[in-house]
PDB file of N, CA and C in Angstrom:
ATOM      1  N   UNK A   1      10.947 -13.006 -16.400  1.00  0.00           N
ATOM      2  CA  UNK A   1       9.684 -12.736 -15.730  1.00  0.00           C
ATOM      3  C   UNK A   1       9.595 -11.246 -15.396  1.00  0.00           C
ATOM      4  N   UNK A   2       8.411 -10.680 -15.590  1.00  0.00           N
ATOM      5  CA  UNK A   2       8.214  -9.271 -15.281  1.00  0.00           C
ATOM      6  C   UNK A   2       8.329  -9.036 -13.781  1.00  0.00           C
ATOM      7  N   UNK A   3       8.878  -7.872 -13.444  1.00  0.00           N
ATOM      8  CA  UNK A   3       8.959  -7.487 -12.042  1.00  0.00           C
ATOM      9  C   UNK A   3       7.559  -7.146 -11.548  1.00  0.00           C
ATOM     10  N   UNK A   4       7.278  -7.518 -10.312  1.00  0.00           N
ATOM     11  CA  UNK A   4       6.007  -7.142  -9.696  1.00  0.00           C
ATOM     12  C   UNK A   4       6.064  -5.671  -9.313  1.00  0.00           C
ATOM     13  N   UNK A   5       4.937  -4.967  -9.513  1.00  0.00           N
ATOM     14  CA  UNK A   5       4.880  -3.529  -9.259  1.00  0.00           C
ATOM     15  C   UNK A   5       4.261  -3.247  -7.888  1.00  0.00           C
ATOM     16  N   UNK A   6       4.991  -2.468  -7.086  1.00  0.00           N
ATOM     17  CA  UNK A   6       4.530  -2.040  -5.773  1.00  0.00           C
ATOM     18  C   UNK A   6       4.313  -0.531  -5.827  1.00  0.00           C
ATOM     19  N   UNK A   7       3.141  -0.087  -5.399  1.00  0.00           N
ATOM     20  CA  UNK A   7       2.858   1.347  -5.295  1.00  0.00           C
ATOM     21  C   UNK A   7       2.793   1.707  -3.813  1.00  0.00           C
ATOM     22  N   UNK A   8       3.632   2.660  -3.409  1.00  0.00           N
ATOM     23  CA  UNK A   8       3.625   3.157  -2.033  1.00  0.00           C
ATOM     24  C   UNK A   8       2.889   4.489  -2.029  1.00  0.00           C
ATOM     25  N   UNK A   9       1.862   4.596  -1.196  1.00  0.00           N
ATOM     26  CA  UNK A   9       1.137   5.864  -1.051  1.00  0.00           C
ATOM     27  C   UNK A   9       1.317   6.304   0.398  1.00  0.00           C
ATOM     28  N   UNK A  10       2.148   7.321   0.596  1.00  0.00           N
ATOM     29  CA  UNK A  10       2.484   7.784   1.941  1.00  0.00           C
ATOM     30  C   UNK A  10       2.969   9.223   1.831  1.00  0.00           C
ATOM     31  N   UNK A  11       2.677  10.037   2.830  1.00  0.00           N
ATOM     32  CA  UNK A  11       3.103  11.437   2.782  1.00  0.00           C
ATOM     33  C   UNK A  11       4.463  11.665   3.436  1.00  0.00           C
ATOM     34  N   UNK A  12       5.161  10.601   3.822  1.00  0.00           N
ATOM     35  CA  UNK A  12       6.498  10.717   4.401  1.00  0.00           C
ATOM     36  C   UNK A  12       7.534  10.320   3.353  1.00  0.00           C
ATOM     37  N   UNK A  13       8.183  11.319   2.745  1.00  0.00           N
ATOM     38  CA  UNK A  13       9.140  11.059   1.674  1.00  0.00           C
ATOM     39  C   UNK A  13      10.290  10.168   2.140  1.00  0.00           C
ATOM     40  N   UNK A  14      10.760  10.353   3.381  1.00  0.00           N
ATOM     41  CA  UNK A  14      11.860   9.526   3.893  1.00  0.00           C
ATOM     42  C   UNK A  14      11.482   8.049   3.910  1.00  0.00           C
ATOM     43  N   UNK A  15      10.251   7.751   4.324  1.00  0.00           N
ATOM     44  CA  UNK A  15       9.791   6.363   4.353  1.00  0.00           C
ATOM     45  C   UNK A  15       9.687   5.810   2.930  1.00  0.00           C
ATOM     46  N   UNK A  16       9.166   6.612   2.019  1.00  0.00           N
ATOM     47  CA  UNK A  16       9.076   6.191   0.620  1.00  0.00           C
ATOM     48  C   UNK A  16      10.465   5.856   0.078  1.00  0.00           C
ATOM     49  N   UNK A  17      11.432   6.734   0.347  1.00  0.00           N
ATOM     50  CA  UNK A  17      12.794   6.508  -0.153  1.00  0.00           C
ATOM     51  C   UNK A  17      13.378   5.215   0.408  1.00  0.00           C
ATOM     52  N   UNK A  18      13.212   4.997   1.704  1.00  0.00           N
ATOM     53  CA  UNK A  18      13.744   3.797   2.342  1.00  0.00           C
ATOM     54  C   UNK A  18      13.075   2.535   1.790  1.00  0.00           C
ATOM     55  N   UNK A  19      11.741   2.547   1.725  1.00  0.00           N
ATOM     56  CA  UNK A  19      11.024   1.378   1.209  1.00  0.00           C
ATOM     57  C   UNK A  19      11.364   1.119  -0.258  1.00  0.00           C
ATOM     58  N   UNK A  20      11.480   2.184  -1.037  1.00  0.00           N
ATOM     59  CA  UNK A  20      11.818   2.019  -2.453  1.00  0.00           C
ATOM     60  C   UNK A  20      13.155   1.305  -2.592  1.00  0.00           C
ATOM     61  N   UNK A  21      14.147   1.752  -1.853  1.00  0.00           N
ATOM     62  CA  UNK A  21      15.469   1.132  -1.902  1.00  0.00           C
ATOM     63  C   UNK A  21      15.397  -0.345  -1.517  1.00  0.00           C
ATOM     64  N   UNK A  22      14.740  -0.635  -0.409  1.00  0.00           N
ATOM     65  CA  UNK A  22      14.668  -2.021   0.073  1.00  0.00           C
ATOM     66  C   UNK A  22      13.877  -2.908  -0.898  1.00  0.00           C
ATOM     67  N   UNK A  23      12.757  -2.403  -1.393  1.00  0.00           N
ATOM     68  CA  UNK A  23      11.920  -3.208  -2.293  1.00  0.00           C
ATOM     69  C   UNK A  23      12.590  -3.418  -3.653  1.00  0.00           C
ATOM     70  N   UNK A  24      13.255  -2.392  -4.160  1.00  0.00           N
ATOM     71  CA  UNK A  24      13.971  -2.566  -5.428  1.00  0.00           C
ATOM     72  C   UNK A  24      15.086  -3.590  -5.269  1.00  0.00           C
ATOM     73  N   UNK A  25      15.732  -3.604  -4.101  1.00  0.00           N
ATOM     74  CA  UNK A  25      16.770  -4.608  -3.831  1.00  0.00           C
ATOM     75  C   UNK A  25      16.194  -6.019  -3.799  1.00  0.00           C
ATOM     76  N   UNK A  26      14.904  -6.141  -3.495  1.00  0.00           N
ATOM     77  CA  UNK A  26      14.241  -7.449  -3.496  1.00  0.00           C
ATOM     78  C   UNK A  26      13.671  -7.793  -4.868  1.00  0.00           C
ATOM     79  N   UNK A  27      13.875  -6.904  -5.857  1.00  0.00           N
ATOM     80  CA  UNK A  27      13.468  -7.217  -7.217  1.00  0.00           C
ATOM     81  C   UNK A  27      12.129  -6.660  -7.663  1.00  0.00           C
ATOM     82  N   UNK A  28      11.537  -5.775  -6.866  1.00  0.00           N
ATOM     83  CA  UNK A  28      10.256  -5.179  -7.245  1.00  0.00           C
ATOM     84  C   UNK A  28      10.472  -3.895  -8.026  1.00  0.00           C
ATOM     85  N   UNK A  29       9.494  -3.553  -8.850  1.00  0.00           N
ATOM     86  CA  UNK A  29       9.427  -2.239  -9.486  1.00  0.00           C
ATOM     87  C   UNK A  29       8.577  -1.376  -8.560  1.00  0.00           C
ATOM     88  N   UNK A  30       9.070  -0.207  -8.173  1.00  0.00           N
ATOM     89  CA  UNK A  30       8.402   0.596  -7.161  1.00  0.00           C
ATOM     90  C   UNK A  30       8.065   1.977  -7.705  1.00  0.00           C
ATOM     91  N   UNK A  31       6.858   2.440  -7.402  1.00  0.00           N
ATOM     92  CA  UNK A  31       6.482   3.828  -7.659  1.00  0.00           C
ATOM     93  C   UNK A  31       5.812   4.352  -6.401  1.00  0.00           C
ATOM     94  N   UNK A  32       5.625   5.661  -6.353  1.00  0.00           N
ATOM     95  CA  UNK A  32       5.112   6.250  -5.113  1.00  0.00           C
ATOM     96  C   UNK A  32       4.232   7.457  -5.395  1.00  0.00           C
ATOM     97  N   UNK A  33       3.400   7.762  -4.410  1.00  0.00           N
ATOM     98  CA  UNK A  33       2.559   8.950  -4.418  1.00  0.00           C
ATOM     99  C   UNK A  33       2.572   9.534  -3.014  1.00  0.00           C
ATOM    100  N   UNK A  34       2.509  10.866  -2.929  1.00  0.00           N
ATOM    101  CA  UNK A  34       2.617  11.546  -1.635  1.00  0.00           C
ATOM    102  C   UNK A  34       1.273  11.914  -1.006  1.00  0.00           C
ATOM    103  N   UNK A  35       0.172  11.645  -1.699  1.00  0.00           N
ATOM    104  CA  UNK A  35      -1.145  11.894  -1.103  1.00  0.00           C
ATOM    105  C   UNK A  35      -2.163  10.956  -1.740  1.00  0.00           C
ATOM    106  N   UNK A  36      -3.331  10.910  -1.151  1.00  0.00           N
ATOM    107  CA  UNK A  36      -4.345   9.966  -1.604  1.00  0.00           C
ATOM    108  C   UNK A  36      -4.852  10.212  -3.006  1.00  0.00           C
ATOM    109  N   UNK A  37      -5.010  11.467  -3.385  1.00  0.00           N
ATOM    110  CA  UNK A  37      -5.508  11.780  -4.726  1.00  0.00           C
ATOM    111  C   UNK A  37      -4.521  11.310  -5.789  1.00  0.00           C
ATOM    112  N   UNK A  38      -3.247  11.655  -5.599  1.00  0.00           N
ATOM    113  CA  UNK A  38      -2.209  11.219  -6.534  1.00  0.00           C
ATOM    114  C   UNK A  38      -2.112   9.690  -6.544  1.00  0.00           C
ATOM    115  N   UNK A  39      -2.243   9.087  -5.365  1.00  0.00           N
ATOM    116  CA  UNK A  39      -2.171   7.636  -5.263  1.00  0.00           C
ATOM    117  C   UNK A  39      -3.268   6.947  -6.054  1.00  0.00           C
ATOM    118  N   UNK A  40      -4.489   7.449  -5.938  1.00  0.00           N
ATOM    119  CA  UNK A  40      -5.610   6.858  -6.667  1.00  0.00           C
ATOM    120  C   UNK A  40      -5.400   6.987  -8.175  1.00  0.00           C
ATOM    121  N   UNK A  41      -4.887   8.133  -8.612  1.00  0.00           N
ATOM    122  CA  UNK A  41      -4.605   8.318 -10.040  1.00  0.00           C
ATOM    123  C   UNK A  41      -3.549   7.316 -10.519  1.00  0.00           C
ATOM    124  N   UNK A  42      -2.501   7.093  -9.691  1.00  0.00           N
ATOM    125  CA  UNK A  42      -1.449   6.150 -10.077  1.00  0.00           C
ATOM    126  C   UNK A  42      -1.958   4.714 -10.077  1.00  0.00           C
ATOM    127  N   UNK A  43      -2.853   4.383  -9.167  1.00  0.00           N
ATOM    128  CA  UNK A  43      -3.434   3.036  -9.169  1.00  0.00           C
ATOM    129  C   UNK A  43      -4.143   2.803 -10.498  1.00  0.00           C
ATOM    130  N   UNK A  44      -4.922   3.781 -10.928  1.00  0.00           N
ATOM    131  CA  UNK A  44      -5.683   3.645 -12.166  1.00  0.00           C
ATOM    132  C   UNK A  44      -4.771   3.585 -13.396  1.00  0.00           C
ATOM    133  N   UNK A  45      -3.709   4.380 -13.399  1.00  0.00           N
ATOM    134  CA  UNK A  45      -2.852   4.434 -14.587  1.00  0.00           C
ATOM    135  C   UNK A  45      -1.792   3.327 -14.624  1.00  0.00           C
ATOM    136  N   UNK A  46      -1.287   2.919 -13.450  1.00  0.00           N
ATOM    137  CA  UNK A  46      -0.184   1.954 -13.414  1.00  0.00           C
ATOM    138  C   UNK A  46      -0.621   0.521 -13.125  1.00  0.00           C
ATOM    139  N   UNK A  47      -1.805   0.343 -12.553  1.00  0.00           N
ATOM    140  CA  UNK A  47      -2.305  -0.993 -12.185  1.00  0.00           C
ATOM    141  C   UNK A  47      -1.220  -1.809 -11.452  1.00  0.00           C
ATOM    142  N   UNK A  48      -0.801  -1.350 -10.255  1.00  0.00           N
ATOM    143  CA  UNK A  48       0.240  -2.077  -9.526  1.00  0.00           C
ATOM    144  C   UNK A  48      -0.250  -3.456  -9.087  1.00  0.00           C
ATOM    145  N   UNK A  49       0.702  -4.315  -8.725  1.00  0.00           N
ATOM    146  CA  UNK A  49       0.353  -5.652  -8.235  1.00  0.00           C
ATOM    147  C   UNK A  49      -0.051  -5.616  -6.763  1.00  0.00           C
ATOM    148  N   UNK A  50       0.402  -4.579  -6.029  1.00  0.00           N
ATOM    149  CA  UNK A  50       0.057  -4.416  -4.622  1.00  0.00           C
ATOM    150  C   UNK A  50       0.229  -2.940  -4.264  1.00  0.00           C
ATOM    151  N   UNK A  51      -0.570  -2.476  -3.294  1.00  0.00           N
ATOM    152  CA  UNK A  51      -0.504  -1.095  -2.828  1.00  0.00           C
ATOM    153  C   UNK A  51      -0.182  -1.099  -1.339  1.00  0.00           C
ATOM    154  N   UNK A  52       0.843  -0.318  -0.960  1.00  0.00           N
ATOM    155  CA  UNK A  52       1.155  -0.071   0.451  1.00  0.00           C
ATOM    156  C   UNK A  52       0.605   1.314   0.757  1.00  0.00           C
ATOM    157  N   UNK A  53      -0.359   1.390   1.669  1.00  0.00           N
ATOM    158  CA  UNK A  53      -1.177   2.589   1.820  1.00  0.00           C
ATOM    159  C   UNK A  53      -1.182   3.111   3.246  1.00  0.00           C
ATOM    160  N   UNK A  54      -0.709   4.348   3.415  1.00  0.00           N
ATOM    161  CA  UNK A  54      -0.783   5.022   4.707  1.00  0.00           C
ATOM    162  C   UNK A  54      -2.232   5.453   4.949  1.00  0.00           C
ATOM    163  N   UNK A  55      -2.587   5.661   6.203  1.00  0.00           N
ATOM    164  CA  UNK A  55      -3.943   6.124   6.519  1.00  0.00           C
ATOM    165  C   UNK A  55      -4.000   7.647   6.581  1.00  0.00           C
ATOM    166  N   UNK A  56      -3.127   8.252   7.374  1.00  0.00           N
ATOM    167  CA  UNK A  56      -3.193   9.703   7.615  1.00  0.00           C
ATOM    168  C   UNK A  56      -2.385  10.444   6.553  1.00  0.00           C
ATOM    169  N   UNK A  57      -3.120  10.998   5.565  1.00  0.00           N
ATOM    170  CA  UNK A  57      -2.493  11.727   4.458  1.00  0.00           C
ATOM    171  C   UNK A  57      -3.354  12.913   4.068  1.00  0.00           C
ATOM    172  N   UNK A  58      -2.747  13.893   3.371  1.00  0.00           N
ATOM    173  CA  UNK A  58      -3.540  15.014   2.869  1.00  0.00           C
ATOM    174  C   UNK A  58      -4.452  14.588   1.717  1.00  0.00           C
ATOM    175  N   UNK A  59      -5.430  15.422   1.455  1.00  0.00           N
ATOM    176  CA  UNK A  59      -6.426  15.241   0.398  1.00  0.00           C
ATOM    177  C   UNK A  59      -7.316  14.048   0.715  1.00  0.00           C
ATOM    178  N   UNK A  60      -7.064  12.892   0.147  1.00  0.00           N
ATOM    179  CA  UNK A  60      -7.824  11.691   0.500  1.00  0.00           C
ATOM    180  C   UNK A  60      -7.016  10.884   1.507  1.00  0.00           C
ATOM    181  N   UNK A  61      -7.653  10.421   2.595  1.00  0.00           N
ATOM    182  CA  UNK A  61      -6.905   9.563   3.522  1.00  0.00           C
ATOM    183  C   UNK A  61      -6.909   8.127   3.003  1.00  0.00           C
ATOM    184  N   UNK A  62      -6.146   7.269   3.657  1.00  0.00           N
ATOM    185  CA  UNK A  62      -6.004   5.894   3.196  1.00  0.00           C
ATOM    186  C   UNK A  62      -7.305   5.120   3.174  1.00  0.00           C
ATOM    187  N   UNK A  63      -8.175   5.366   4.147  1.00  0.00           N
ATOM    188  CA  UNK A  63      -9.460   4.675   4.161  1.00  0.00           C
ATOM    189  C   UNK A  63     -10.272   5.050   2.923  1.00  0.00           C
ATOM    190  N   UNK A  64     -10.265   6.344   2.565  1.00  0.00           N
ATOM    191  CA  UNK A  64     -11.014   6.797   1.391  1.00  0.00           C
ATOM    192  C   UNK A  64     -10.438   6.199   0.105  1.00  0.00           C
ATOM    193  N   UNK A  65      -9.104   6.170   0.007  1.00  0.00           N
ATOM    194  CA  UNK A  65      -8.463   5.592  -1.173  1.00  0.00           C
ATOM    195  C   UNK A  65      -8.828   4.114  -1.293  1.00  0.00           C
ATOM    196  N   UNK A  66      -8.721   3.389  -0.192  1.00  0.00           N
ATOM    197  CA  UNK A  66      -9.018   1.955  -0.209  1.00  0.00           C
ATOM    198  C   UNK A  66     -10.476   1.709  -0.599  1.00  0.00           C
ATOM    199  N   UNK A  67     -11.379   2.482  -0.044  1.00  0.00           N
ATOM    200  CA  UNK A  67     -12.807   2.320  -0.364  1.00  0.00           C
ATOM    201  C   UNK A  67     -13.045   2.522  -1.858  1.00  0.00           C
ATOM    202  N   UNK A  68     -12.483   3.598  -2.419  1.00  0.00           N
ATOM    203  CA  UNK A  68     -12.669   3.876  -3.848  1.00  0.00           C
ATOM    204  C   UNK A  68     -12.057   2.766  -4.709  1.00  0.00           C
ATOM    205  N   UNK A  69     -10.894   2.283  -4.317  1.00  0.00           N
ATOM    206  CA  UNK A  69     -10.223   1.205  -5.049  1.00  0.00           C
ATOM    207  C   UNK A  69     -11.075  -0.058  -5.044  1.00  0.00           C
ATOM    208  N   UNK A  70     -11.578  -0.438  -3.889  1.00  0.00           N
ATOM    209  CA  UNK A  70     -12.330  -1.687  -3.762  1.00  0.00           C
ATOM    210  C   UNK A  70     -13.723  -1.603  -4.389  1.00  0.00           C
ATOM    211  N   UNK A  71     -14.207  -0.375  -4.651  1.00  0.00           N
ATOM    212  CA  UNK A  71     -15.505  -0.220  -5.317  1.00  0.00           C
ATOM    213  C   UNK A  71     -15.380  -0.216  -6.838  1.00  0.00           C
ATOM    214  N   UNK A  72     -14.149  -0.190  -7.345  1.00  0.00           N
ATOM    215  CA  UNK A  72     -13.910  -0.151  -8.784  1.00  0.00           C
ATOM    216  C   UNK A  72     -13.685  -1.581  -9.287  1.00  0.00           C
ATOM    217  N   UNK A  73     -14.580  -2.060 -10.137  1.00  0.00           N
ATOM    218  CA  UNK A  73     -14.505  -3.444 -10.622  1.00  0.00           C
ATOM    219  C   UNK A  73     -13.186  -3.760 -11.327  1.00  0.00           C
ATOM    220  N   UNK A  74     -12.547  -2.758 -11.937  1.00  0.00           N
ATOM    221  CA  UNK A  74     -11.289  -2.984 -12.646  1.00  0.00           C
ATOM    222  C   UNK A  74     -10.078  -3.024 -11.710  1.00  0.00           C
ATOM    223  N   UNK A  75     -10.248  -2.554 -10.476  1.00  0.00           N
ATOM    224  CA  UNK A  75      -9.109  -2.416  -9.560  1.00  0.00           C
ATOM    225  C   UNK A  75      -9.265  -3.184  -8.256  1.00  0.00           C
ATOM    226  N   UNK A  76     -10.454  -3.675  -7.979  1.00  0.00           N
ATOM    227  CA  UNK A  76     -10.753  -4.219  -6.649  1.00  0.00           C
ATOM    228  C   UNK A  76      -9.921  -5.434  -6.252  1.00  0.00           C
ATOM    229  N   UNK A  77      -9.317  -6.118  -7.221  1.00  0.00           N
ATOM    230  CA  UNK A  77      -8.520  -7.303  -6.901  1.00  0.00           C
ATOM    231  C   UNK A  77      -7.072  -6.983  -6.543  1.00  0.00           C
ATOM    232  N   UNK A  78      -6.677  -5.710  -6.626  1.00  0.00           N
ATOM    233  CA  UNK A  78      -5.319  -5.315  -6.235  1.00  0.00           C
ATOM    234  C   UNK A  78      -5.235  -5.368  -4.708  1.00  0.00           C
ATOM    235  N   UNK A  79      -4.303  -6.142  -4.153  1.00  0.00           N
ATOM    236  CA  UNK A  79      -4.176  -6.211  -2.697  1.00  0.00           C
ATOM    237  C   UNK A  79      -3.729  -4.863  -2.121  1.00  0.00           C
ATOM    238  N   UNK A  80      -4.333  -4.503  -0.983  1.00  0.00           N
ATOM    239  CA  UNK A  80      -3.998  -3.268  -0.278  1.00  0.00           C
ATOM    240  C   UNK A  80      -3.502  -3.625   1.116  1.00  0.00           C
ATOM    241  N   UNK A  81      -2.294  -3.166   1.428  1.00  0.00           N
ATOM    242  CA  UNK A  81      -1.742  -3.332   2.778  1.00  0.00           C
ATOM    243  C   UNK A  81      -1.701  -1.955   3.409  1.00  0.00           C
ATOM    244  N   UNK A  82      -2.506  -1.761   4.444  1.00  0.00           N
ATOM    245  CA  UNK A  82      -2.462  -0.514   5.189  1.00  0.00           C
ATOM    246  C   UNK A  82      -1.153  -0.505   5.961  1.00  0.00           C
ATOM    247  N   UNK A  83      -0.408   0.592   5.847  1.00  0.00           N
ATOM    248  CA  UNK A  83       0.897   0.736   6.477  1.00  0.00           C
ATOM    249  C   UNK A  83       0.837   2.040   7.258  1.00  0.00           C
ATOM    250  N   UNK A  84       0.551   1.961   8.560  1.00  0.00           N
ATOM    251  CA  UNK A  84       0.167   3.154   9.282  1.00  0.00           C
ATOM    252  C   UNK A  84       0.581   3.143  10.749  1.00  0.00           C
ATOM    253  N   UNK A  85       0.650   4.326  11.320  1.00  0.00           N
ATOM    254  CA  UNK A  85       0.926   4.464  12.757  1.00  0.00           C
ATOM    255  C   UNK A  85      -0.351   4.277  13.574  1.00  0.00           C
ATOM    256  N   UNK A  86      -1.490   4.234  12.923  1.00  0.00           N
ATOM    257  CA  UNK A  86      -2.764   4.055  13.641  1.00  0.00           C
ATOM    258  C   UNK A  86      -2.878   2.586  14.068  1.00  0.00           C
ATOM    259  N   UNK A  87      -2.582   2.355  15.344  1.00  0.00           N
ATOM    260  CA  UNK A  87      -2.421   0.979  15.827  1.00  0.00           C
ATOM    261  C   UNK A  87      -3.549   0.488  16.721  1.00  0.00           C
ATOM    262  N   UNK A  88      -4.580   1.281  16.910  1.00  0.00           N
ATOM    263  CA  UNK A  88      -5.699   0.844  17.741  1.00  0.00           C
ATOM    264  C   UNK A  88      -6.467  -0.270  17.036  1.00  0.00           C
ATOM    265  N   UNK A  89      -7.049  -1.160  17.803  1.00  0.00           N
ATOM    266  CA  UNK A  89      -7.851  -2.242  17.209  1.00  0.00           C
ATOM    267  C   UNK A  89      -8.967  -1.680  16.328  1.00  0.00           C
ATOM    268  N   UNK A  90      -9.561  -0.548  16.747  1.00  0.00           N
ATOM    269  CA  UNK A  90     -10.637   0.043  15.950  1.00  0.00           C
ATOM    270  C   UNK A  90     -10.117   0.521  14.591  1.00  0.00           C
ATOM    271  N   UNK A  91      -8.876   1.025  14.559  1.00  0.00           N
ATOM    272  CA  UNK A  91      -8.288   1.445  13.278  1.00  0.00           C
ATOM    273  C   UNK A  91      -8.126   0.253  12.357  1.00  0.00           C
ATOM    274  N   UNK A  92      -7.596  -0.831  12.909  1.00  0.00           N
ATOM    275  CA  UNK A  92      -7.403  -2.050  12.115  1.00  0.00           C
ATOM    276  C   UNK A  92      -8.759  -2.579  11.643  1.00  0.00           C
ATOM    277  N   UNK A  93      -9.737  -2.572  12.535  1.00  0.00           N
ATOM    278  CA  UNK A  93     -11.081  -3.032  12.172  1.00  0.00           C
ATOM    279  C   UNK A  93     -11.602  -2.260  10.968  1.00  0.00           C
ATOM    280  N   UNK A  94     -11.521  -0.912  11.024  1.00  0.00           N
ATOM    281  CA  UNK A  94     -12.062  -0.110   9.929  1.00  0.00           C
ATOM    282  C   UNK A  94     -11.258  -0.292   8.649  1.00  0.00           C
ATOM    283  N   UNK A  95      -9.957  -0.469   8.767  1.00  0.00           N
ATOM    284  CA  UNK A  95      -9.150  -0.732   7.579  1.00  0.00           C
ATOM    285  C   UNK A  95      -9.589  -1.999   6.874  1.00  0.00           C
ATOM    286  N   UNK A  96      -9.784  -3.050   7.659  1.00  0.00           N
ATOM    287  CA  UNK A  96     -10.203  -4.330   7.082  1.00  0.00           C
ATOM    288  C   UNK A  96     -11.669  -4.256   6.612  1.00  0.00           C
ATOM    289  N   UNK A  97     -12.485  -3.526   7.334  1.00  0.00           N
ATOM    290  CA  UNK A  97     -13.909  -3.389   6.997  1.00  0.00           C
ATOM    291  C   UNK A  97     -14.097  -2.743   5.621  1.00  0.00           C
ATOM    292  N   UNK A  98     -13.254  -1.775   5.276  1.00  0.00           N
ATOM    293  CA  UNK A  98     -13.413  -1.094   3.989  1.00  0.00           C
ATOM    294  C   UNK A  98     -12.705  -1.818   2.855  1.00  0.00           C
ATOM    295  N   UNK A  99     -12.024  -2.936   3.171  1.00  0.00           N
ATOM    296  CA  UNK A  99     -11.491  -3.758   2.101  1.00  0.00           C
ATOM    297  C   UNK A  99      -9.989  -3.971   2.084  1.00  0.00           C
ATOM    298  N   UNK A 100      -9.250  -3.412   3.055  1.00  0.00           N
ATOM    299  CA  UNK A 100      -7.801  -3.655   3.081  1.00  0.00           C
ATOM    300  C   UNK A 100      -7.559  -5.153   3.239  1.00  0.00           C
ATOM    301  N   UNK A 101      -6.511  -5.639   2.615  1.00  0.00           N
ATOM    302  CA  UNK A 101      -6.189  -7.060   2.687  1.00  0.00           C
ATOM    303  C   UNK A 101      -5.315  -7.388   3.892  1.00  0.00           C
ATOM    304  N   UNK A 102      -4.552  -6.390   4.346  1.00  0.00           N
ATOM    305  CA  UNK A 102      -3.685  -6.609   5.508  1.00  0.00           C
ATOM    306  C   UNK A 102      -3.416  -5.268   6.160  1.00  0.00           C
ATOM    307  N   UNK A 103      -2.838  -5.299   7.364  1.00  0.00           N
ATOM    308  CA  UNK A 103      -2.652  -4.083   8.154  1.00  0.00           C
ATOM    309  C   UNK A 103      -1.334  -4.213   8.909  1.00  0.00           C
ATOM    310  N   UNK A 104      -0.373  -3.345   8.608  1.00  0.00           N
ATOM    311  CA  UNK A 104       0.932  -3.349   9.266  1.00  0.00           C
ATOM    312  C   UNK A 104       1.106  -2.004   9.954  1.00  0.00           C
ATOM    313  N   UNK A 105       1.456  -2.028  11.241  1.00  0.00           N
ATOM    314  CA  UNK A 105       1.591  -0.775  11.973  1.00  0.00           C
ATOM    315  C   UNK A 105       3.043  -0.311  12.028  1.00  0.00           C
ATOM    316  N   UNK A 106       3.203   1.010  11.964  1.00  0.00           N
ATOM    317  CA  UNK A 106       4.509   1.658  12.099  1.00  0.00           C
ATOM    318  C   UNK A 106       4.793   1.837  13.587  1.00  0.00           C
ATOM    319  N   UNK A 107       6.013   1.728  14.033  1.00  0.00           N
ATOM    320  CA  UNK A 107       7.172   1.270  13.277  1.00  0.00           C
ATOM    321  C   UNK A 107       7.081  -0.235  13.024  1.00  0.00           C
ATOM    322  N   UNK A 108       7.735  -0.694  11.975  1.00  0.00           N
ATOM    323  CA  UNK A 108       7.684  -2.107  11.609  1.00  0.00           C
ATOM    324  C   UNK A 108       9.078  -2.546  11.194  1.00  0.00           C
ATOM    325  N   UNK A 109       9.290  -3.825  11.231  1.00  0.00           N
ATOM    326  CA  UNK A 109      10.525  -4.404  10.705  1.00  0.00           C
ATOM    327  C   UNK A 109      10.303  -4.656   9.219  1.00  0.00           C
ATOM    328  N   UNK A 110      11.297  -4.337   8.395  1.00  0.00           N
ATOM    329  CA  UNK A 110      11.137  -4.549   6.965  1.00  0.00           C
ATOM    330  C   UNK A 110      10.849  -6.013   6.652  1.00  0.00           C
ATOM    331  N   UNK A 111      11.470  -6.922   7.403  1.00  0.00           N
ATOM    332  CA  UNK A 111      11.245  -8.353   7.147  1.00  0.00           C
ATOM    333  C   UNK A 111       9.771  -8.712   7.327  1.00  0.00           C
ATOM    334  N   UNK A 112       9.102  -8.076   8.282  1.00  0.00           N
ATOM    335  CA  UNK A 112       7.671  -8.308   8.500  1.00  0.00           C
ATOM    336  C   UNK A 112       6.879  -7.840   7.277  1.00  0.00           C
ATOM    337  N   UNK A 113       7.181  -6.635   6.801  1.00  0.00           N
ATOM    338  CA  UNK A 113       6.480  -6.104   5.629  1.00  0.00           C
ATOM    339  C   UNK A 113       6.762  -6.974   4.406  1.00  0.00           C
ATOM    340  N   UNK A 114       7.993  -7.404   4.246  1.00  0.00           N
ATOM    341  CA  UNK A 114       8.365  -8.246   3.117  1.00  0.00           C
ATOM    342  C   UNK A 114       7.563  -9.542   3.104  1.00  0.00           C
ATOM    343  N   UNK A 115       7.381 -10.147   4.254  1.00  0.00           N
ATOM    344  CA  UNK A 115       6.582 -11.380   4.349  1.00  0.00           C
ATOM    345  C   UNK A 115       5.127 -11.135   3.966  1.00  0.00           C
ATOM    346  N   UNK A 116       4.578 -10.005   4.398  1.00  0.00           N
ATOM    347  CA  UNK A 116       3.191  -9.669   4.045  1.00  0.00           C
ATOM    348  C   UNK A 116       3.074  -9.494   2.528  1.00  0.00           C
ATOM    349  N   UNK A 117       4.016  -8.796   1.922  1.00  0.00           N
ATOM    350  CA  UNK A 117       3.981  -8.597   0.470  1.00  0.00           C
ATOM    351  C   UNK A 117       4.056  -9.945  -0.243  1.00  0.00           C
ATOM    352  N   UNK A 118       4.960 -10.818   0.203  1.00  0.00           N
ATOM    353  CA  UNK A 118       5.113 -12.138  -0.444  1.00  0.00           C
ATOM    354  C   UNK A 118       3.854 -12.990  -0.310  1.00  0.00           C
ATOM    355  N   UNK A 119       3.093 -12.744   0.751  1.00  0.00           N
ATOM    356  CA  UNK A 119       1.823 -13.469   0.927  1.00  0.00           C
ATOM    357  C   UNK A 119       0.863 -13.153  -0.226  1.00  0.00           C
ATOM    358  N   UNK A 120       0.900 -11.926  -0.716  1.00  0.00           N
ATOM    359  CA  UNK A 120      -0.009 -11.513  -1.799  1.00  0.00           C
ATOM    360  C   UNK A 120       0.619 -11.617  -3.180  1.00  0.00           C
ATOM    361  N   UNK A 121       1.933 -11.691  -3.233  1.00  0.00           N
ATOM    362  CA  UNK A 121       2.644 -11.854  -4.508  1.00  0.00           C
ATOM    363  C   UNK A 121       3.518 -13.097  -4.382  1.00  0.00           C
ATOM    364  N   UNK A 122       2.892 -14.262  -4.261  1.00  0.00           N
ATOM    365  CA  UNK A 122       3.628 -15.476  -3.892  1.00  0.00           C
ATOM    366  C   UNK A 122       4.680 -15.950  -4.887  1.00  0.00           C
ATOM    367  N   UNK A 123       4.561 -15.607  -6.143  1.00  0.00           N
ATOM    368  CA  UNK A 123       5.549 -16.112  -7.106  1.00  0.00           C
ATOM    369  C   UNK A 123       6.751 -15.194  -7.217  1.00  0.00           C
ATOM    370  N   UNK A 124       6.918 -14.286  -6.261  1.00  0.00           N
ATOM    371  CA  UNK A 124       8.073 -13.372  -6.252  1.00  0.00           C
ATOM    372  C   UNK A 124       9.165 -13.999  -5.435  1.00  0.00           C
TER     373      UNK A 124
END
């Protein structure tokens, strides 16, 4: 069976490295982008099975990336999990309003994130 592809879009390289290690250990294929523009390009070229998306990033922020993704008929079915330090209810509201499928706030337990990913990639 093909490995499920996870794309991490976050401007914190340390977090990307940690998540990549943990997710690869769980059997996922992982790629990453350090800003919203690069992330959107990778979504289009790699067609990941799920996107883990930070909100506060250079160039395009996570809300802008999610909006563009969900407006694209070829990409809109890719699940997006906002993974962010923005923990206010209004932040979560806007994330879900623009099309995010789930919202996980930093800091988080990896087991929590893993369960959210499995919810969208159930045959993993």
